């Protein structure tokens, strides 16, 4: 299955795929849980928890591992939310939005991007071990807007986020029709003011700040409709004022010289999602993979060729993060894994 198939928005695709995988895994429950992926370096892969409906990202703070779950829009009874891992099990935090794309933790506050249409950003604070005592709407849901994807806190204290492409079928391969489509934006943590940082990305998904880079690195999924081998997928550095050329680039490679260059490129439909940086490498969750199924690959932070790090997933992988010398990954079986690359 490919992240971008059938419908134009990441939100709907995740919903469809989540429903397929959750239902299938429930039907196969008698056969036992799926096997974990395998680390190419031979290190042990630990299963931390199972049962997060479509894990999309992680955040670490207050001694906790928080996990975002998208749920399943097509089956309303299967909702997601924000989870904390306790005793090997995911526990949903009260007050969670039903569908969550992004999490970021800073200064005692957990920022949450969620919703179905016109999704907003919420600031939670006052963690007491079970729930957050305070919840503030940083950016309210609005009409004419799709949703924020992943979020990250920058060195300047602002939130940075990619914005989902629009709802029209043409938005898959043309400039987005909705507010901030194809952009990476910053959000002021006090006022919620939104500022465009960079443009020209079809589906900017997960931002990540890494020392030595001026802007967030962000995964960007290319058009779906141009065949099996076109166009490439990318990770770019969203510096202020950057333009990466969508929709002309990379669909028409001859136009790309006029635009900012990507940090790393991947085969068409490999679908880069979550990101994590560790030991001088950028690790990328590839939803579709490069030919042998979903995988996590590593690429030098200066750019260059990628190499597999975690392979053999039972289902597409979306969530990825690095923390404390380990990588954390979550796939559409609802499983959360950790390993040392």
C-alpha atoms as a PDB file:
ATOM      1  CA  UNK A   1       0.000   0.000   0.000  1.00  0.00           C
ATOM      2  CA  UNK A   2       1.177   3.502  -0.763  1.00  0.00           C
ATOM      3  CA  UNK A   3       0.742   6.486   1.500  1.00  0.00           C
ATOM      4  CA  UNK A   4      -0.631   8.644  -1.281  1.00  0.00           C
ATOM      5  CA  UNK A   5      -2.999   6.293  -3.055  1.00  0.00           C
ATOM      6  CA  UNK A   6      -6.698   6.752  -3.802  1.00  0.00           C
ATOM      7  CA  UNK A   7      -7.336  10.197  -2.284  1.00  0.00           C
ATOM      8  CA  UNK A   8      -5.445  13.506  -2.309  1.00  0.00           C
ATOM      9  CA  UNK A   9      -4.908  14.216   1.381  1.00  0.00           C
ATOM     10  CA  UNK A  10      -2.639  12.506   3.849  1.00  0.00           C
ATOM     11  CA  UNK A  11      -5.430  12.635   6.396  1.00  0.00           C
ATOM     12  CA  UNK A  12      -7.814  10.529   4.331  1.00  0.00           C
ATOM     13  CA  UNK A  13      -5.111   8.111   3.244  1.00  0.00           C
ATOM     14  CA  UNK A  14      -4.071   7.482   6.832  1.00  0.00           C
ATOM     15  CA  UNK A  15      -7.732   6.974   7.686  1.00  0.00           C
ATOM     16  CA  UNK A  16      -8.238   4.370   4.982  1.00  0.00           C
ATOM     17  CA  UNK A  17      -5.007   2.541   5.693  1.00  0.00           C
ATOM     18  CA  UNK A  18      -5.535   2.646   9.432  1.00  0.00           C
ATOM     19  CA  UNK A  19      -8.922   1.034   8.994  1.00  0.00           C
ATOM     20  CA  UNK A  20      -7.523  -1.717   6.810  1.00  0.00           C
ATOM     21  CA  UNK A  21      -4.677  -2.533   9.172  1.00  0.00           C
ATOM     22  CA  UNK A  22      -6.622  -2.277  12.432  1.00  0.00           C
ATOM     23  CA  UNK A  23      -9.405  -4.465  11.137  1.00  0.00           C
ATOM     24  CA  UNK A  24      -6.973  -6.997   9.690  1.00  0.00           C
ATOM     25  CA  UNK A  25      -4.897  -7.191  12.850  1.00  0.00           C
ATOM     26  CA  UNK A  26      -8.070  -7.724  14.863  1.00  0.00           C
ATOM     27  CA  UNK A  27      -9.113 -10.576  12.598  1.00  0.00           C
ATOM     28  CA  UNK A  28      -5.692 -12.198  12.984  1.00  0.00           C
ATOM     29  CA  UNK A  29      -5.514 -11.750  16.744  1.00  0.00           C
ATOM     30  CA  UNK A  30      -5.719 -15.493  17.297  1.00  0.00           C
ATOM     31  CA  UNK A  31      -2.462 -15.894  15.376  1.00  0.00           C
ATOM     32  CA  UNK A  32      -0.608 -13.661  17.804  1.00  0.00           C
ATOM     33  CA  UNK A  33       1.010 -10.245  17.321  1.00  0.00           C
ATOM     34  CA  UNK A  34       3.059  -9.486  14.211  1.00  0.00           C
ATOM     35  CA  UNK A  35       6.814 -10.015  14.452  1.00  0.00           C
ATOM     36  CA  UNK A  36       8.921  -6.901  15.027  1.00  0.00           C
ATOM     37  CA  UNK A  37      11.128  -5.513  12.251  1.00  0.00           C
ATOM     38  CA  UNK A  38      14.820  -6.368  12.177  1.00  0.00           C
ATOM     39  CA  UNK A  39      17.771  -4.046  12.716  1.00  0.00           C
ATOM     40  CA  UNK A  40      20.306  -4.318   9.906  1.00  0.00           C
ATOM     41  CA  UNK A  41      23.140  -4.028  12.438  1.00  0.00           C
ATOM     42  CA  UNK A  42      21.828  -7.072  14.316  1.00  0.00           C
ATOM     43  CA  UNK A  43      20.845  -5.174  17.465  1.00  0.00           C
ATOM     44  CA  UNK A  44      17.746  -6.229  19.357  1.00  0.00           C
ATOM     45  CA  UNK A  45      14.471  -4.532  18.448  1.00  0.00           C
ATOM     46  CA  UNK A  46      12.266  -4.090  21.513  1.00  0.00           C
ATOM     47  CA  UNK A  47       8.468  -3.958  21.365  1.00  0.00           C
ATOM     48  CA  UNK A  48       7.489  -1.182  23.792  1.00  0.00           C
ATOM     49  CA  UNK A  49       3.727  -1.348  23.309  1.00  0.00           C
ATOM     50  CA  UNK A  50       0.945  -2.411  20.975  1.00  0.00           C
ATOM     51  CA  UNK A  51      -2.481  -0.988  20.331  1.00  0.00           C
ATOM     52  CA  UNK A  52      -1.895   2.630  19.261  1.00  0.00           C
ATOM     53  CA  UNK A  53      -4.317   3.244  16.367  1.00  0.00           C
ATOM     54  CA  UNK A  54      -2.059   4.448  13.547  1.00  0.00           C
ATOM     55  CA  UNK A  55       0.890   5.957  15.456  1.00  0.00           C
ATOM     56  CA  UNK A  56       2.005   9.121  13.691  1.00  0.00           C
ATOM     57  CA  UNK A  57       4.718  10.691  15.879  1.00  0.00           C
ATOM     58  CA  UNK A  58       6.378  10.819  19.316  1.00  0.00           C
ATOM     59  CA  UNK A  59       7.319  13.403  21.926  1.00  0.00           C
ATOM     60  CA  UNK A  60       9.550  13.030  24.975  1.00  0.00           C
ATOM     61  CA  UNK A  61       9.172  15.144  28.097  1.00  0.00           C
ATOM     62  CA  UNK A  62       8.622  14.997  31.842  1.00  0.00           C
ATOM     63  CA  UNK A  63      10.155  11.533  31.846  1.00  0.00           C
ATOM     64  CA  UNK A  64       7.387  10.266  29.561  1.00  0.00           C
ATOM     65  CA  UNK A  65       7.065   8.930  26.036  1.00  0.00           C
ATOM     66  CA  UNK A  66       3.992  10.433  24.381  1.00  0.00           C
ATOM     67  CA  UNK A  67       2.604   8.907  21.182  1.00  0.00           C
ATOM     68  CA  UNK A  68       0.190  10.458  18.699  1.00  0.00           C
ATOM     69  CA  UNK A  69      -2.470   8.205  17.200  1.00  0.00           C
ATOM     70  CA  UNK A  70      -4.516   9.106  14.151  1.00  0.00           C
ATOM     71  CA  UNK A  71      -7.296   6.538  14.598  1.00  0.00           C
ATOM     72  CA  UNK A  72      -9.596   5.850  11.656  1.00  0.00           C
ATOM     73  CA  UNK A  73     -11.849   8.488  10.105  1.00  0.00           C
ATOM     74  CA  UNK A  74     -13.783   5.890   8.120  1.00  0.00           C
ATOM     75  CA  UNK A  75     -14.714   3.955  11.255  1.00  0.00           C
ATOM     76  CA  UNK A  76     -15.691   6.555  13.898  1.00  0.00           C
ATOM     77  CA  UNK A  77     -15.528   4.047  16.738  1.00  0.00           C
ATOM     78  CA  UNK A  78     -11.778   3.716  16.110  1.00  0.00           C
ATOM     79  CA  UNK A  79     -10.467   7.061  17.297  1.00  0.00           C
ATOM     80  CA  UNK A  80      -6.930   8.107  18.044  1.00  0.00           C
ATOM     81  CA  UNK A  81      -5.559  10.689  20.426  1.00  0.00           C
ATOM     82  CA  UNK A  82      -2.476  11.309  22.520  1.00  0.00           C
ATOM     83  CA  UNK A  83      -1.154   8.337  24.469  1.00  0.00           C
ATOM     84  CA  UNK A  84       1.390   7.858  27.215  1.00  0.00           C
ATOM     85  CA  UNK A  85       3.135   4.501  27.530  1.00  0.00           C
ATOM     86  CA  UNK A  86       2.714   2.868  30.940  1.00  0.00           C
ATOM     87  CA  UNK A  87       3.712  -0.669  31.788  1.00  0.00           C
ATOM     88  CA  UNK A  88       4.020  -1.631  28.152  1.00  0.00           C
ATOM     89  CA  UNK A  89       0.559  -0.338  27.279  1.00  0.00           C
ATOM     90  CA  UNK A  90      -0.672   2.874  25.614  1.00  0.00           C
ATOM     91  CA  UNK A  91      -3.003   4.902  27.829  1.00  0.00           C
ATOM     92  CA  UNK A  92      -5.053   7.643  26.158  1.00  0.00           C
ATOM     93  CA  UNK A  93      -4.760  11.036  27.824  1.00  0.00           C
ATOM     94  CA  UNK A  94      -8.129  12.618  28.691  1.00  0.00           C
ATOM     95  CA  UNK A  95      -9.141  15.472  26.413  1.00  0.00           C
ATOM     96  CA  UNK A  96      -7.298  14.118  23.369  1.00  0.00           C
ATOM     97  CA  UNK A  97      -8.486  15.142  19.903  1.00  0.00           C
ATOM     98  CA  UNK A  98      -9.862  12.121  18.010  1.00  0.00           C
ATOM     99  CA  UNK A  99      -7.177  12.390  15.314  1.00  0.00           C
ATOM    100  CA  UNK A 100      -3.616  13.558  15.992  1.00  0.00           C
ATOM    101  CA  UNK A 101      -0.815  14.191  13.496  1.00  0.00           C
ATOM    102  CA  UNK A 102       1.864  16.024  15.466  1.00  0.00           C
ATOM    103  CA  UNK A 103       3.387  16.354  18.936  1.00  0.00           C
ATOM    104  CA  UNK A 104       6.161  18.568  20.289  1.00  0.00           C
ATOM    105  CA  UNK A 105       7.279  19.026  23.909  1.00  0.00           C
ATOM    106  CA  UNK A 106       9.040  22.133  25.228  1.00  0.00           C
ATOM    107  CA  UNK A 107       9.327  23.783  28.636  1.00  0.00           C
ATOM    108  CA  UNK A 108       6.676  21.671  30.297  1.00  0.00           C
ATOM    109  CA  UNK A 109       4.172  22.132  27.467  1.00  0.00           C
ATOM    110  CA  UNK A 110       3.025  19.449  25.027  1.00  0.00           C
ATOM    111  CA  UNK A 111       1.864  20.895  21.718  1.00  0.00           C
ATOM    112  CA  UNK A 112      -0.673  18.829  19.797  1.00  0.00           C
ATOM    113  CA  UNK A 113      -1.761  19.200  16.171  1.00  0.00           C
ATOM    114  CA  UNK A 114      -5.017  17.426  15.549  1.00  0.00           C
ATOM    115  CA  UNK A 115      -8.500  17.381  14.145  1.00  0.00           C
ATOM    116  CA  UNK A 116     -10.193  16.099  11.007  1.00  0.00           C
ATOM    117  CA  UNK A 117     -10.942  19.221   8.956  1.00  0.00           C
ATOM    118  CA  UNK A 118      -9.460  22.620   9.682  1.00  0.00           C
ATOM    119  CA  UNK A 119      -7.452  21.073  12.512  1.00  0.00           C
ATOM    120  CA  UNK A 120      -5.804  23.297  15.082  1.00  0.00           C
ATOM    121  CA  UNK A 121      -2.875  23.281  17.507  1.00  0.00           C
ATOM    122  CA  UNK A 122      -3.336  22.894  21.259  1.00  0.00           C
ATOM    123  CA  UNK A 123      -0.970  23.615  24.149  1.00  0.00           C
ATOM    124  CA  UNK A 124      -1.211  21.306  27.167  1.00  0.00           C
ATOM    125  CA  UNK A 125       0.631  21.964  30.433  1.00  0.00           C
ATOM    126  CA  UNK A 126       0.646  20.863  34.063  1.00  0.00           C
ATOM    127  CA  UNK A 127       1.289  17.133  33.616  1.00  0.00           C
ATOM    128  CA  UNK A 128       0.399  15.258  36.822  1.00  0.00           C
ATOM    129  CA  UNK A 129       1.289  11.752  35.737  1.00  0.00           C
ATOM    130  CA  UNK A 130      -2.153  11.020  34.343  1.00  0.00           C
ATOM    131  CA  UNK A 131      -3.339  14.084  32.485  1.00  0.00           C
ATOM    132  CA  UNK A 132      -2.524  17.713  31.725  1.00  0.00           C
ATOM    133  CA  UNK A 133      -4.175  20.219  34.048  1.00  0.00           C
ATOM    134  CA  UNK A 134      -4.350  23.035  31.505  1.00  0.00           C
ATOM    135  CA  UNK A 135      -5.319  23.079  27.838  1.00  0.00           C
ATOM    136  CA  UNK A 136      -5.087  26.127  25.581  1.00  0.00           C
ATOM    137  CA  UNK A 137      -6.127  26.530  21.956  1.00  0.00           C
ATOM    138  CA  UNK A 138      -3.089  27.989  20.234  1.00  0.00           C
ATOM    139  CA  UNK A 139      -4.522  27.884  16.699  1.00  0.00           C
ATOM    140  CA  UNK A 140      -8.253  27.291  16.362  1.00  0.00           C
ATOM    141  CA  UNK A 141      -9.642  25.031  13.627  1.00  0.00           C
ATOM    142  CA  UNK A 142     -10.858  27.052  10.651  1.00  0.00           C
ATOM    143  CA  UNK A 143     -12.708  26.747   7.378  1.00  0.00           C
ATOM    144  CA  UNK A 144     -10.674  26.691   4.195  1.00  0.00           C
ATOM    145  CA  UNK A 145      -7.798  24.913   5.911  1.00  0.00           C
ATOM    146  CA  UNK A 146      -6.871  21.227   5.887  1.00  0.00           C
ATOM    147  CA  UNK A 147      -4.617  20.473   8.844  1.00  0.00           C
ATOM    148  CA  UNK A 148      -1.171  20.847  10.304  1.00  0.00           C
ATOM    149  CA  UNK A 149       0.943  17.734   9.875  1.00  0.00           C
ATOM    150  CA  UNK A 150       3.904  17.113  12.179  1.00  0.00           C
ATOM    151  CA  UNK A 151       5.148  19.914  14.421  1.00  0.00           C
ATOM    152  CA  UNK A 152       8.487  20.809  16.017  1.00  0.00           C
ATOM    153  CA  UNK A 153       9.751  23.570  18.331  1.00  0.00           C
ATOM    154  CA  UNK A 154      12.579  25.615  16.840  1.00  0.00           C
ATOM    155  CA  UNK A 155      15.547  27.281  18.562  1.00  0.00           C
ATOM    156  CA  UNK A 156      13.576  30.536  18.461  1.00  0.00           C
ATOM    157  CA  UNK A 157      10.791  28.985  20.540  1.00  0.00           C
ATOM    158  CA  UNK A 158       8.307  29.026  17.660  1.00  0.00           C
ATOM    159  CA  UNK A 159       6.427  25.979  16.435  1.00  0.00           C
ATOM    160  CA  UNK A 160       7.107  24.825  12.891  1.00  0.00           C
ATOM    161  CA  UNK A 161       4.683  22.688  10.908  1.00  0.00           C
ATOM    162  CA  UNK A 162       3.994  21.360   7.447  1.00  0.00           C
ATOM    163  CA  UNK A 163       0.491  21.902   6.099  1.00  0.00           C
ATOM    164  CA  UNK A 164      -1.535  19.192   4.359  1.00  0.00           C
ATOM    165  CA  UNK A 165      -2.361  19.600   0.690  1.00  0.00           C
ATOM    166  CA  UNK A 166      -5.904  20.567  -0.309  1.00  0.00           C
ATOM    167  CA  UNK A 167      -9.022  18.466  -0.817  1.00  0.00           C
ATOM    168  CA  UNK A 168      -9.481  18.831  -4.568  1.00  0.00           C
ATOM    169  CA  UNK A 169      -8.316  15.978  -6.788  1.00  0.00           C
ATOM    170  CA  UNK A 170      -6.090  18.409  -8.656  1.00  0.00           C
ATOM    171  CA  UNK A 171      -4.272  19.265  -5.409  1.00  0.00           C
ATOM    172  CA  UNK A 172      -2.376  15.994  -5.782  1.00  0.00           C
ATOM    173  CA  UNK A 173      -0.398  17.388  -8.708  1.00  0.00           C
ATOM    174  CA  UNK A 174      -1.232  21.124  -8.789  1.00  0.00           C
ATOM    175  CA  UNK A 175      -0.755  24.003  -6.385  1.00  0.00           C
ATOM    176  CA  UNK A 176      -2.918  23.484  -3.309  1.00  0.00           C
ATOM    177  CA  UNK A 177      -6.335  25.128  -3.197  1.00  0.00           C
ATOM    178  CA  UNK A 178      -6.510  25.652   0.570  1.00  0.00           C
ATOM    179  CA  UNK A 179      -4.884  28.017   3.035  1.00  0.00           C
ATOM    180  CA  UNK A 180      -1.109  27.485   3.443  1.00  0.00           C
ATOM    181  CA  UNK A 181      -1.169  24.333   1.291  1.00  0.00           C
ATOM    182  CA  UNK A 182       2.362  23.270   0.160  1.00  0.00           C
ATOM    183  CA  UNK A 183       3.949  25.470   2.835  1.00  0.00           C
ATOM    184  CA  UNK A 184       5.965  25.095   6.004  1.00  0.00           C
ATOM    185  CA  UNK A 185       4.830  27.677   8.540  1.00  0.00           C
ATOM    186  CA  UNK A 186       5.914  28.954  11.939  1.00  0.00           C
ATOM    187  CA  UNK A 187       3.461  29.577  14.782  1.00  0.00           C
ATOM    188  CA  UNK A 188       4.120  32.001  17.640  1.00  0.00           C
ATOM    189  CA  UNK A 189       3.615  30.089  20.934  1.00  0.00           C
ATOM    190  CA  UNK A 190       1.942  33.037  22.671  1.00  0.00           C
ATOM    191  CA  UNK A 191      -0.322  34.564  20.018  1.00  0.00           C
ATOM    192  CA  UNK A 192      -0.728  31.738  17.516  1.00  0.00           C
ATOM    193  CA  UNK A 193       0.346  34.049  14.683  1.00  0.00           C
ATOM    194  CA  UNK A 194       1.176  32.051  11.548  1.00  0.00           C
ATOM    195  CA  UNK A 195       4.034  33.013   9.216  1.00  0.00           C
ATOM    196  CA  UNK A 196       5.030  31.246   6.002  1.00  0.00           C
ATOM    197  CA  UNK A 197       8.616  29.984   6.190  1.00  0.00           C
ATOM    198  CA  UNK A 198       9.097  27.999   2.991  1.00  0.00           C
ATOM    199  CA  UNK A 199       7.050  27.024  -0.059  1.00  0.00           C
ATOM    200  CA  UNK A 200       6.913  24.548  -2.884  1.00  0.00           C
ATOM    201  CA  UNK A 201       6.419  21.202  -1.106  1.00  0.00           C
ATOM    202  CA  UNK A 202       3.560  18.954  -2.097  1.00  0.00           C
ATOM    203  CA  UNK A 203       3.043  17.326   1.291  1.00  0.00           C
ATOM    204  CA  UNK A 204       5.505  18.542   3.960  1.00  0.00           C
ATOM    205  CA  UNK A 205       5.039  15.989   6.711  1.00  0.00           C
ATOM    206  CA  UNK A 206       7.437  15.852   9.677  1.00  0.00           C
ATOM    207  CA  UNK A 207       9.806  18.693  10.663  1.00  0.00           C
ATOM    208  CA  UNK A 208      12.966  18.129  12.698  1.00  0.00           C
ATOM    209  CA  UNK A 209      15.524  20.638  13.964  1.00  0.00           C
ATOM    210  CA  UNK A 210      19.130  19.464  13.824  1.00  0.00           C
ATOM    211  CA  UNK A 211      22.263  21.337  14.927  1.00  0.00           C
ATOM    212  CA  UNK A 212      24.134  22.826  11.998  1.00  0.00           C
ATOM    213  CA  UNK A 213      21.026  23.460   9.923  1.00  0.00           C
ATOM    214  CA  UNK A 214      19.324  26.853   9.789  1.00  0.00           C
ATOM    215  CA  UNK A 215      15.815  25.562   9.137  1.00  0.00           C
ATOM    216  CA  UNK A 216      13.911  22.430  10.038  1.00  0.00           C
ATOM    217  CA  UNK A 217      14.523  19.340   7.948  1.00  0.00           C
ATOM    218  CA  UNK A 218      11.177  18.079   6.703  1.00  0.00           C
ATOM    219  CA  UNK A 219       9.965  15.053   4.758  1.00  0.00           C
ATOM    220  CA  UNK A 220       8.087  15.854   1.553  1.00  0.00           C
ATOM    221  CA  UNK A 221       5.967  13.381  -0.397  1.00  0.00           C
ATOM    222  CA  UNK A 222       5.786  13.851  -4.173  1.00  0.00           C
ATOM    223  CA  UNK A 223       2.842  13.516  -6.565  1.00  0.00           C
ATOM    224  CA  UNK A 224       0.937  10.266  -6.799  1.00  0.00           C
ATOM    225  CA  UNK A 225      -0.380  10.461 -10.364  1.00  0.00           C
ATOM    226  CA  UNK A 226       2.818  10.482 -12.424  1.00  0.00           C
ATOM    227  CA  UNK A 227       3.527   6.758 -12.658  1.00  0.00           C
ATOM    228  CA  UNK A 228       5.540   4.179 -10.724  1.00  0.00           C
ATOM    229  CA  UNK A 229       8.901   5.894 -11.187  1.00  0.00           C
ATOM    230  CA  UNK A 230       8.018   9.593 -10.961  1.00  0.00           C
ATOM    231  CA  UNK A 231       8.620  11.856  -9.199  1.00  0.00           C
ATOM    232  CA  UNK A 232      11.241  11.403  -6.492  1.00  0.00           C
ATOM    233  CA  UNK A 233      10.430  11.912  -2.812  1.00  0.00           C
ATOM    234  CA  UNK A 234      12.525  14.333  -0.762  1.00  0.00           C
ATOM    235  CA  UNK A 235      13.765  15.569   2.567  1.00  0.00           C
ATOM    236  CA  UNK A 236      14.415  19.302   2.405  1.00  0.00           C
ATOM    237  CA  UNK A 237      15.729  22.008   4.713  1.00  0.00           C
ATOM    238  CA  UNK A 238      12.970  24.592   5.084  1.00  0.00           C
ATOM    239  CA  UNK A 239      15.056  27.737   5.465  1.00  0.00           C
ATOM    240  CA  UNK A 240      13.287  31.082   5.593  1.00  0.00           C
ATOM    241  CA  UNK A 241      12.248  32.054   2.062  1.00  0.00           C
ATOM    242  CA  UNK A 242      13.106  28.692   0.484  1.00  0.00           C
ATOM    243  CA  UNK A 243      11.080  27.449  -2.484  1.00  0.00           C
ATOM    244  CA  UNK A 244      11.334  23.824  -3.585  1.00  0.00           C
ATOM    245  CA  UNK A 245       9.320  24.215  -6.762  1.00  0.00           C
ATOM    246  CA  UNK A 246       6.127  22.215  -6.378  1.00  0.00           C
ATOM    247  CA  UNK A 247       4.248  21.569  -8.621  1.00  0.00           C
ATOM    248  CA  UNK A 248       6.830  21.913 -11.419  1.00  0.00           C
ATOM    249  CA  UNK A 249       9.762  20.435  -9.459  1.00  0.00           C
ATOM    250  CA  UNK A 250      10.518  17.570  -9.062  1.00  0.00           C
ATOM    251  CA  UNK A 251       7.852  16.371 -11.509  1.00  0.00           C
ATOM    252  CA  UNK A 252       9.760  18.135 -14.308  1.00  0.00           C
ATOM    253  CA  UNK A 253      13.449  17.766 -13.358  1.00  0.00           C
ATOM    254  CA  UNK A 254      14.528  20.344 -15.943  1.00  0.00           C
ATOM    255  CA  UNK A 255      12.834  23.053 -13.852  1.00  0.00           C
ATOM    256  CA  UNK A 256      14.552  22.171 -10.561  1.00  0.00           C
ATOM    257  CA  UNK A 257      17.677  24.262 -11.155  1.00  0.00           C
ATOM    258  CA  UNK A 258      15.553  27.337 -10.459  1.00  0.00           C
ATOM    259  CA  UNK A 259      14.636  26.176  -6.959  1.00  0.00           C
ATOM    260  CA  UNK A 260      16.265  25.241  -3.672  1.00  0.00           C
ATOM    261  CA  UNK A 261      17.923  21.822  -3.592  1.00  0.00           C
ATOM    262  CA  UNK A 262      16.763  18.958  -1.345  1.00  0.00           C
ATOM    263  CA  UNK A 263      18.962  17.474   1.366  1.00  0.00           C
ATOM    264  CA  UNK A 264      18.178  13.902   0.344  1.00  0.00           C
ATOM    265  CA  UNK A 265      16.106  12.173  -2.324  1.00  0.00           C
ATOM    266  CA  UNK A 266      14.367   8.800  -2.406  1.00  0.00           C
ATOM    267  CA  UNK A 267      12.659   6.681  -5.076  1.00  0.00           C
ATOM    268  CA  UNK A 268       9.153   7.579  -6.193  1.00  0.00           C
ATOM    269  CA  UNK A 269       6.462   6.450  -3.754  1.00  0.00           C
ATOM    270  CA  UNK A 270       8.898   5.428  -1.043  1.00  0.00           C
ATOM    271  CA  UNK A 271       6.986   8.046   0.977  1.00  0.00           C
ATOM    272  CA  UNK A 272       9.212   9.611   3.672  1.00  0.00           C
ATOM    273  CA  UNK A 273       7.336  10.219   6.916  1.00  0.00           C
ATOM    274  CA  UNK A 274       8.859  10.426  10.412  1.00  0.00           C
ATOM    275  CA  UNK A 275      12.407  11.708  11.000  1.00  0.00           C
ATOM    276  CA  UNK A 276      15.031  11.255  13.707  1.00  0.00           C
ATOM    277  CA  UNK A 277      18.663  12.398  13.980  1.00  0.00           C
ATOM    278  CA  UNK A 278      21.296  10.364  15.798  1.00  0.00           C
ATOM    279  CA  UNK A 279      25.067   9.902  15.547  1.00  0.00           C
ATOM    280  CA  UNK A 280      25.554  12.214  12.576  1.00  0.00           C
ATOM    281  CA  UNK A 281      22.798  10.585  10.550  1.00  0.00           C
ATOM    282  CA  UNK A 282      19.248  11.463   9.633  1.00  0.00           C
ATOM    283  CA  UNK A 283      16.916   8.489   9.909  1.00  0.00           C
ATOM    284  CA  UNK A 284      13.802   8.450   7.744  1.00  0.00           C
ATOM    285  CA  UNK A 285      10.692   6.269   8.014  1.00  0.00           C
ATOM    286  CA  UNK A 286       9.749   5.208   4.485  1.00  0.00           C
ATOM    287  CA  UNK A 287       6.078   4.266   4.416  1.00  0.00           C
ATOM    288  CA  UNK A 288       6.392   2.410   1.122  1.00  0.00           C
ATOM    289  CA  UNK A 289      10.102   1.622   1.191  1.00  0.00           C
ATOM    290  CA  UNK A 290      12.605   1.447  -1.631  1.00  0.00           C
ATOM    291  CA  UNK A 291      11.594  -1.901  -3.086  1.00  0.00           C
ATOM    292  CA  UNK A 292      11.412  -4.477  -0.307  1.00  0.00           C
ATOM    293  CA  UNK A 293       8.647  -3.052   1.836  1.00  0.00           C
ATOM    294  CA  UNK A 294       8.413  -0.402   4.554  1.00  0.00           C
ATOM    295  CA  UNK A 295      11.725   0.458   6.208  1.00  0.00           C
ATOM    296  CA  UNK A 296      13.749   2.989   8.146  1.00  0.00           C
ATOM    297  CA  UNK A 297      16.860   4.246   6.354  1.00  0.00           C
ATOM    298  CA  UNK A 298      19.812   6.391   7.424  1.00  0.00           C
ATOM    299  CA  UNK A 299      21.441   9.169   5.424  1.00  0.00           C
ATOM    300  CA  UNK A 300      24.341  11.487   6.396  1.00  0.00           C
ATOM    301  CA  UNK A 301      23.140  14.779   7.860  1.00  0.00           C
ATOM    302  CA  UNK A 302      25.177  16.538   5.197  1.00  0.00           C
ATOM    303  CA  UNK A 303      23.168  14.701   2.543  1.00  0.00           C
ATOM    304  CA  UNK A 304      24.085  11.766   0.336  1.00  0.00           C
ATOM    305  CA  UNK A 305      23.126   8.132  -0.151  1.00  0.00           C
ATOM    306  CA  UNK A 306      20.744   6.299   2.140  1.00  0.00           C
ATOM    307  CA  UNK A 307      21.188   2.832   3.635  1.00  0.00           C
ATOM    308  CA  UNK A 308      18.655   0.560   5.384  1.00  0.00           C
ATOM    309  CA  UNK A 309      18.623   0.513   9.184  1.00  0.00           C
ATOM    310  CA  UNK A 310      15.362  -1.193  10.153  1.00  0.00           C
ATOM    311  CA  UNK A 311      13.573  -3.564   7.769  1.00  0.00           C
ATOM    312  CA  UNK A 312      10.887  -6.229   7.689  1.00  0.00           C
ATOM    313  CA  UNK A 313       7.942  -4.250   9.037  1.00  0.00           C
ATOM    314  CA  UNK A 314       4.626  -6.113   9.026  1.00  0.00           C
ATOM    315  CA  UNK A 315       2.881  -2.912   7.917  1.00  0.00           C
ATOM    316  CA  UNK A 316       3.814   0.584   6.695  1.00  0.00           C
ATOM    317  CA  UNK A 317       5.834   2.691   9.137  1.00  0.00           C
ATOM    318  CA  UNK A 318       4.927   6.310   9.870  1.00  0.00           C
ATOM    319  CA  UNK A 319       6.197   7.421  13.284  1.00  0.00           C
ATOM    320  CA  UNK A 320       9.909   7.865  13.959  1.00  0.00           C
ATOM    321  CA  UNK A 321      11.997   9.760  16.516  1.00  0.00           C
ATOM    322  CA  UNK A 322      15.383   9.657  18.229  1.00  0.00           C
ATOM    323  CA  UNK A 323      15.890  10.041  21.963  1.00  0.00           C
ATOM    324  CA  UNK A 324      18.523   8.983  24.470  1.00  0.00           C
ATOM    325  CA  UNK A 325      20.673   7.215  21.892  1.00  0.00           C
ATOM    326  CA  UNK A 326      17.803   5.118  20.538  1.00  0.00           C
ATOM    327  CA  UNK A 327      15.398   5.258  17.641  1.00  0.00           C
ATOM    328  CA  UNK A 328      11.671   4.808  18.162  1.00  0.00           C
ATOM    329  CA  UNK A 329       9.337   3.679  15.382  1.00  0.00           C
ATOM    330  CA  UNK A 330       5.621   3.009  15.046  1.00  0.00           C
ATOM    331  CA  UNK A 331       3.866   1.115  12.257  1.00  0.00           C
ATOM    332  CA  UNK A 332       0.258   0.587  11.186  1.00  0.00           C
ATOM    333  CA  UNK A 333      -0.122  -2.578  13.259  1.00  0.00           C
ATOM    334  CA  UNK A 334      -0.228  -0.136  16.184  1.00  0.00           C
ATOM    335  CA  UNK A 335       3.118  -1.332  17.513  1.00  0.00           C
ATOM    336  CA  UNK A 336       5.857   0.851  19.000  1.00  0.00           C
ATOM    337  CA  UNK A 337       9.487  -0.305  18.727  1.00  0.00           C
ATOM    338  CA  UNK A 338      12.871   0.895  19.933  1.00  0.00           C
ATOM    339  CA  UNK A 339      16.398  -0.071  18.938  1.00  0.00           C
ATOM    340  CA  UNK A 340      19.951   1.246  18.869  1.00  0.00           C
ATOM    341  CA  UNK A 341      21.157   1.892  15.295  1.00  0.00           C
END
